[in-house]
Amino acid sequence: MRLNQKSLLIFLGLLIANILYLVIKQEFSIIHLSDTLFLTMLPLLIIGGFLFVFASGSFDLFHRSMKKAFHRSKEDDQQLSEATKGTSQQFLEPAILLFICSVVLLLIDRLL
């Protein structure tokens, strides 16, 4: 898997923001950092998962049948899979990196 530079910058920005948040709150520890990284990862994973399902074409038949039912069929309309193609990576890559970092920090805390 080749990481996009934008995804890496989002990951590093979120990591630094979580560290600064815990330092300002004066609760910095490995377990707290692991927890905040996991909670930061969840919205990205949920949005990326929805976009991935839309891009797979799961709802194209439903979307087309609803347009036919309400007589709003246009020939130049995009399908949902074409409209969301490629956008799921922008959310899933930073989420995966945050999840890996969270699990590694959790394992480090448990081993120490």
N, C-alpha and C. Protein backbone atom coordinates (compact mmCIF):
# COMPACT_ATOMS: atom_id res chain seq x y z
N MET A 1 0.84 -1.18 0.00
CA MET A 1 0.00 0.00 0.00
C MET A 1 0.89 1.24 0.00
N ARG A 2 0.70 2.07 -0.99
CA ARG A 2 1.46 3.31 -1.09
C ARG A 2 0.63 4.44 -0.50
N LEU A 3 1.18 5.09 0.50
CA LEU A 3 0.44 6.15 1.19
C LEU A 3 0.51 7.46 0.42
N ASN A 4 -0.59 8.13 0.39
CA ASN A 4 -0.68 9.44 -0.20
C ASN A 4 -0.02 10.44 0.75
N GLN A 5 0.67 11.44 0.20
CA GLN A 5 1.35 12.42 1.04
C GLN A 5 0.34 13.23 1.87
N LYS A 6 -0.83 13.48 1.28
CA LYS A 6 -1.87 14.22 2.00
C LYS A 6 -2.36 13.42 3.20
N SER A 7 -2.51 12.10 3.03
CA SER A 7 -2.95 11.25 4.13
C SER A 7 -1.92 11.22 5.26
N LEU A 8 -0.66 11.20 4.88
CA LEU A 8 0.40 11.20 5.89
C LEU A 8 0.42 12.51 6.66
N LEU A 9 0.21 13.63 5.97
CA LEU A 9 0.17 14.93 6.65
C LEU A 9 -1.04 15.04 7.58
N ILE A 10 -2.19 14.49 7.16
CA ILE A 10 -3.37 14.49 8.03
C ILE A 10 -3.10 13.65 9.27
N PHE A 11 -2.47 12.49 9.08
CA PHE A 11 -2.14 11.62 10.21
C PHE A 11 -1.20 12.33 11.19
N LEU A 12 -0.14 12.93 10.67
CA LEU A 12 0.81 13.62 11.55
C LEU A 12 0.16 14.81 12.25
N GLY A 13 -0.69 15.55 11.55
CA GLY A 13 -1.39 16.67 12.16
C GLY A 13 -2.30 16.22 13.30
N LEU A 14 -3.04 15.13 13.07
CA LEU A 14 -3.92 14.62 14.12
C LEU A 14 -3.14 14.05 15.30
N LEU A 15 -2.01 13.42 15.01
CA LEU A 15 -1.16 12.88 16.08
C LEU A 15 -0.62 14.02 16.96
N ILE A 16 -0.12 15.05 16.32
CA ILE A 16 0.42 16.20 17.08
C ILE A 16 -0.69 16.92 17.84
N ALA A 17 -1.87 17.03 17.22
CA ALA A 17 -2.99 17.68 17.90
C ALA A 17 -3.42 16.89 19.14
N ASN A 18 -3.42 15.56 19.04
CA ASN A 18 -3.77 14.74 20.20
C ASN A 18 -2.74 14.84 21.31
N ILE A 19 -1.47 14.87 20.94
CA ILE A 19 -0.41 15.01 21.94
C ILE A 19 -0.52 16.36 22.64
N LEU A 20 -0.71 17.42 21.86
CA LEU A 20 -0.85 18.75 22.46
C LEU A 20 -2.08 18.84 23.35
N TYR A 21 -3.17 18.21 22.94
CA TYR A 21 -4.38 18.20 23.75
C TYR A 21 -4.12 17.55 25.11
N LEU A 22 -3.43 16.44 25.12
CA LEU A 22 -3.16 15.75 26.38
C LEU A 22 -2.15 16.50 27.24
N VAL A 23 -1.19 17.16 26.61
CA VAL A 23 -0.22 17.95 27.37
C VAL A 23 -0.91 19.14 28.02
N ILE A 24 -1.77 19.82 27.27
CA ILE A 24 -2.48 20.98 27.82
C ILE A 24 -3.43 20.54 28.93
N LYS A 25 -4.05 19.40 28.76
CA LYS A 25 -4.98 18.89 29.77
C LYS A 25 -4.25 18.27 30.96
N GLN A 26 -2.94 18.10 30.86
CA GLN A 26 -2.05 17.54 31.88
C GLN A 26 -2.43 16.10 32.25
N GLU A 27 -2.81 15.33 31.23
CA GLU A 27 -3.12 13.92 31.42
C GLU A 27 -2.33 13.06 30.44
N PHE A 28 -1.12 13.49 30.10
CA PHE A 28 -0.36 12.76 29.10
C PHE A 28 0.18 11.46 29.67
N SER A 29 -0.20 10.38 29.04
CA SER A 29 0.36 9.05 29.28
C SER A 29 0.15 8.23 28.01
N ILE A 30 0.81 7.11 27.94
CA ILE A 30 0.71 6.29 26.74
C ILE A 30 -0.71 5.76 26.56
N ILE A 31 -1.35 5.36 27.64
CA ILE A 31 -2.69 4.80 27.54
C ILE A 31 -3.72 5.88 27.15
N HIS A 32 -3.55 7.09 27.68
CA HIS A 32 -4.45 8.18 27.30
C HIS A 32 -4.26 8.56 25.83
N LEU A 33 -3.01 8.55 25.38
CA LEU A 33 -2.74 8.86 23.98
C LEU A 33 -3.34 7.79 23.07
N SER A 34 -3.23 6.54 23.48
CA SER A 34 -3.83 5.46 22.71
C SER A 34 -5.35 5.62 22.62
N ASP A 35 -5.97 5.98 23.72
CA ASP A 35 -7.42 6.17 23.74
C ASP A 35 -7.86 7.34 22.86
N THR A 36 -7.16 8.46 22.95
CA THR A 36 -7.56 9.62 22.15
C THR A 36 -7.31 9.39 20.66
N LEU A 37 -6.24 8.65 20.32
CA LEU A 37 -6.01 8.33 18.92
C LEU A 37 -7.12 7.43 18.37
N PHE A 38 -7.57 6.49 19.20
CA PHE A 38 -8.64 5.61 18.77
C PHE A 38 -9.94 6.39 18.57
N LEU A 39 -10.25 7.29 19.48
CA LEU A 39 -11.46 8.09 19.34
C LEU A 39 -11.39 9.06 18.17
N THR A 40 -10.19 9.53 17.84
CA THR A 40 -10.01 10.40 16.69
C THR A 40 -10.17 9.61 15.39
N MET A 41 -9.78 8.34 15.43
CA MET A 41 -9.85 7.49 14.25
C MET A 41 -11.29 7.12 13.88
N LEU A 42 -12.18 7.00 14.84
CA LEU A 42 -13.53 6.49 14.59
C LEU A 42 -14.33 7.29 13.55
N PRO A 43 -14.42 8.63 13.65
CA PRO A 43 -15.19 9.35 12.61
C PRO A 43 -14.60 9.18 11.21
N LEU A 44 -13.27 9.17 11.12
CA LEU A 44 -12.63 8.98 9.82
C LEU A 44 -12.96 7.60 9.25
N LEU A 45 -12.96 6.59 10.11
CA LEU A 45 -13.25 5.23 9.67
C LEU A 45 -14.71 5.08 9.25
N ILE A 46 -15.61 5.70 9.97
CA ILE A 46 -17.04 5.60 9.63
C ILE A 46 -17.32 6.30 8.29
N ILE A 47 -16.81 7.51 8.12
CA ILE A 47 -17.03 8.24 6.87
C ILE A 47 -16.37 7.51 5.70
N GLY A 48 -15.14 7.05 5.90
CA GLY A 48 -14.44 6.31 4.85
C GLY A 48 -15.14 5.01 4.50
N GLY A 49 -15.70 4.34 5.49
CA GLY A 49 -16.44 3.10 5.23
C GLY A 49 -17.68 3.34 4.40
N PHE A 50 -18.44 4.39 4.74
CA PHE A 50 -19.61 4.73 3.94
C PHE A 50 -19.23 5.07 2.50
N LEU A 51 -18.18 5.86 2.33
CA LEU A 51 -17.75 6.22 0.98
C LEU A 51 -17.25 5.00 0.21
N PHE A 52 -16.61 4.07 0.90
CA PHE A 52 -16.13 2.85 0.25
C PHE A 52 -17.30 2.00 -0.23
N VAL A 53 -18.34 1.90 0.57
CA VAL A 53 -19.54 1.14 0.17
C VAL A 53 -20.23 1.81 -1.01
N PHE A 54 -20.34 3.14 -0.99
CA PHE A 54 -20.94 3.85 -2.12
C PHE A 54 -20.11 3.64 -3.38
N ALA A 55 -18.78 3.68 -3.27
CA ALA A 55 -17.91 3.53 -4.44
C ALA A 55 -17.93 2.11 -5.00
N SER A 56 -18.32 1.14 -4.18
CA SER A 56 -18.36 -0.25 -4.68
C SER A 56 -19.56 -0.49 -5.57
N GLY A 57 -20.52 0.42 -5.60
CA GLY A 57 -21.68 0.27 -6.48
C GLY A 57 -22.85 -0.41 -5.82
N SER A 58 -22.85 -0.52 -4.52
CA SER A 58 -23.93 -1.23 -3.82
C SER A 58 -25.27 -0.52 -3.93
N PHE A 59 -25.28 0.79 -4.02
CA PHE A 59 -26.52 1.54 -4.02
C PHE A 59 -26.91 2.07 -5.40
N ASP A 60 -26.17 1.69 -6.44
CA ASP A 60 -26.49 2.20 -7.78
C ASP A 60 -27.85 1.72 -8.27
N LEU A 61 -28.16 0.44 -8.06
CA LEU A 61 -29.45 -0.08 -8.50
C LEU A 61 -30.60 0.60 -7.75
N PHE A 62 -30.43 0.79 -6.45
CA PHE A 62 -31.45 1.46 -5.65
C PHE A 62 -31.63 2.90 -6.11
N HIS A 63 -30.53 3.59 -6.36
CA HIS A 63 -30.57 4.99 -6.80
C HIS A 63 -31.27 5.10 -8.15
N ARG A 64 -30.95 4.20 -9.09
CA ARG A 64 -31.56 4.23 -10.41
C ARG A 64 -33.06 3.93 -10.33
N SER A 65 -33.46 2.98 -9.49
CA SER A 65 -34.88 2.65 -9.39
C SER A 65 -35.68 3.77 -8.72
N MET A 66 -35.09 4.48 -7.78
CA MET A 66 -35.77 5.63 -7.17
C MET A 66 -35.95 6.76 -8.18
N LYS A 67 -34.96 6.97 -9.04
CA LYS A 67 -35.10 8.01 -10.06
C LYS A 67 -36.19 7.64 -11.06
N LYS A 68 -36.29 6.35 -11.39
CA LYS A 68 -37.35 5.92 -12.29
C LYS A 68 -38.72 6.04 -11.63
N ALA A 69 -38.80 5.73 -10.37
CA ALA A 69 -40.08 5.77 -9.67
C ALA A 69 -40.62 7.19 -9.55
N PHE A 70 -39.74 8.14 -9.40
CA PHE A 70 -40.17 9.54 -9.26
C PHE A 70 -40.01 10.32 -10.56
N HIS A 71 -39.76 9.63 -11.65
CA HIS A 71 -39.66 10.21 -12.99
C HIS A 71 -38.63 11.33 -13.07
N ARG A 72 -37.53 11.11 -12.44
CA ARG A 72 -36.45 12.11 -12.47
C ARG A 72 -35.22 11.53 -13.16
N SER A 73 -35.43 10.74 -14.14
CA SER A 73 -34.34 10.08 -14.83
C SER A 73 -33.74 11.02 -15.87
N LYS A 74 -32.47 11.31 -15.70
CA LYS A 74 -31.72 12.11 -16.65
C LYS A 74 -30.59 11.24 -17.18
N GLU A 75 -30.27 11.45 -18.41
CA GLU A 75 -29.23 10.63 -19.03
C GLU A 75 -27.83 11.01 -18.55
N ASP A 76 -27.62 12.25 -18.16
CA ASP A 76 -26.29 12.71 -17.79
C ASP A 76 -26.00 12.63 -16.29
N ASP A 77 -26.90 12.04 -15.50
CA ASP A 77 -26.67 11.90 -14.06
C ASP A 77 -25.56 10.88 -13.79
N GLN A 78 -24.73 11.19 -12.82
CA GLN A 78 -23.69 10.27 -12.42
C GLN A 78 -24.25 9.22 -11.48
N GLN A 79 -23.65 8.05 -11.51
CA GLN A 79 -24.01 7.04 -10.54
C GLN A 79 -23.28 7.34 -9.24
N LEU A 80 -23.79 6.80 -8.14
CA LEU A 80 -23.15 7.04 -6.84
C LEU A 80 -21.73 6.50 -6.81
N SER A 81 -21.50 5.38 -7.46
CA SER A 81 -20.16 4.79 -7.44
C SER A 81 -19.15 5.67 -8.18
N GLU A 82 -19.59 6.37 -9.22
CA GLU A 82 -18.69 7.26 -9.93
C GLU A 82 -18.46 8.57 -9.18
N ALA A 83 -19.46 9.03 -8.46
CA ALA A 83 -19.35 10.31 -7.75
C ALA A 83 -18.42 10.21 -6.54
N THR A 84 -18.36 9.04 -5.91
CA THR A 84 -17.56 8.89 -4.69
C THR A 84 -16.28 8.09 -4.92
N LYS A 85 -15.94 7.82 -6.16
CA LYS A 85 -14.77 7.00 -6.46
C LYS A 85 -13.49 7.71 -6.02
N GLY A 86 -12.68 7.04 -5.23
CA GLY A 86 -11.39 7.56 -4.80
C GLY A 86 -11.42 8.42 -3.55
N THR A 87 -12.59 8.86 -3.10
CA THR A 87 -12.62 9.73 -1.93
C THR A 87 -12.51 8.95 -0.63
N SER A 88 -12.76 7.65 -0.67
CA SER A 88 -12.70 6.87 0.57
C SER A 88 -11.26 6.75 1.07
N GLN A 89 -10.29 6.77 0.16
CA GLN A 89 -8.89 6.66 0.58
C GLN A 89 -8.45 7.83 1.42
N GLN A 90 -8.99 9.01 1.15
CA GLN A 90 -8.60 10.20 1.91
C GLN A 90 -9.00 10.08 3.37
N PHE A 91 -10.01 9.28 3.66
CA PHE A 91 -10.45 9.09 5.04
C PHE A 91 -9.88 7.80 5.64
N LEU A 92 -9.78 6.75 4.83
CA LEU A 92 -9.38 5.45 5.37
C LEU A 92 -7.88 5.36 5.67
N GLU A 93 -7.04 5.98 4.86
CA GLU A 93 -5.59 5.89 5.11
C GLU A 93 -5.18 6.53 6.43
N PRO A 94 -5.60 7.76 6.74
CA PRO A 94 -5.25 8.30 8.07
C PRO A 94 -5.88 7.51 9.21
N ALA A 95 -7.09 6.98 8.98
CA ALA A 95 -7.75 6.18 10.02
C ALA A 95 -6.98 4.91 10.31
N ILE A 96 -6.48 4.26 9.28
CA ILE A 96 -5.70 3.04 9.47
C ILE A 96 -4.39 3.35 10.20
N LEU A 97 -3.74 4.44 9.82
CA LEU A 97 -2.50 4.82 10.50
C LEU A 97 -2.74 5.16 11.97
N LEU A 98 -3.83 5.86 12.25
CA LEU A 98 -4.15 6.18 13.65
C LEU A 98 -4.48 4.92 14.43
N PHE A 99 -5.16 3.98 13.81
CA PHE A 99 -5.49 2.72 14.48
C PHE A 99 -4.24 1.92 14.79
N ILE A 100 -3.33 1.82 13.84
CA ILE A 100 -2.08 1.09 14.06
C ILE A 100 -1.28 1.74 15.17
N CYS A 101 -1.19 3.07 15.16
CA CYS A 101 -0.46 3.79 16.21
C CYS A 101 -1.12 3.57 17.57
N SER A 102 -2.44 3.56 17.61
CA SER A 102 -3.16 3.34 18.86
C SER A 102 -2.91 1.95 19.41
N VAL A 103 -2.94 0.94 18.55
CA VAL A 103 -2.71 -0.44 18.99
C VAL A 103 -1.27 -0.63 19.45
N VAL A 104 -0.32 -0.03 18.74
CA VAL A 104 1.09 -0.15 19.13
C VAL A 104 1.31 0.50 20.50
N LEU A 105 0.73 1.68 20.71
CA LEU A 105 0.87 2.34 22.01
C LEU A 105 0.21 1.53 23.12
N LEU A 106 -0.92 0.90 22.82
CA LEU A 106 -1.60 0.06 23.80
C LEU A 106 -0.74 -1.16 24.17
N LEU A 107 -0.12 -1.77 23.16
CA LEU A 107 0.76 -2.91 23.44
C LEU A 107 2.00 -2.49 24.23
N ILE A 108 2.54 -1.34 23.90
CA ILE A 108 3.70 -0.84 24.66
C ILE A 108 3.33 -0.61 26.11
N ASP A 109 2.16 -0.03 26.35
CA ASP A 109 1.72 0.23 27.72
C ASP A 109 1.50 -1.07 28.48
N ARG A 110 0.96 -2.06 27.83
CA ARG A 110 0.68 -3.34 28.51
C ARG A 110 1.95 -4.14 28.78
N LEU A 111 2.97 -3.97 27.92
CA LEU A 111 4.23 -4.70 28.11
C LEU A 111 5.14 -4.06 29.15
N LEU A 112 4.96 -2.77 29.36
CA LEU A 112 5.81 -2.07 30.34
C LEU A 112 5.25 -2.16 31.69
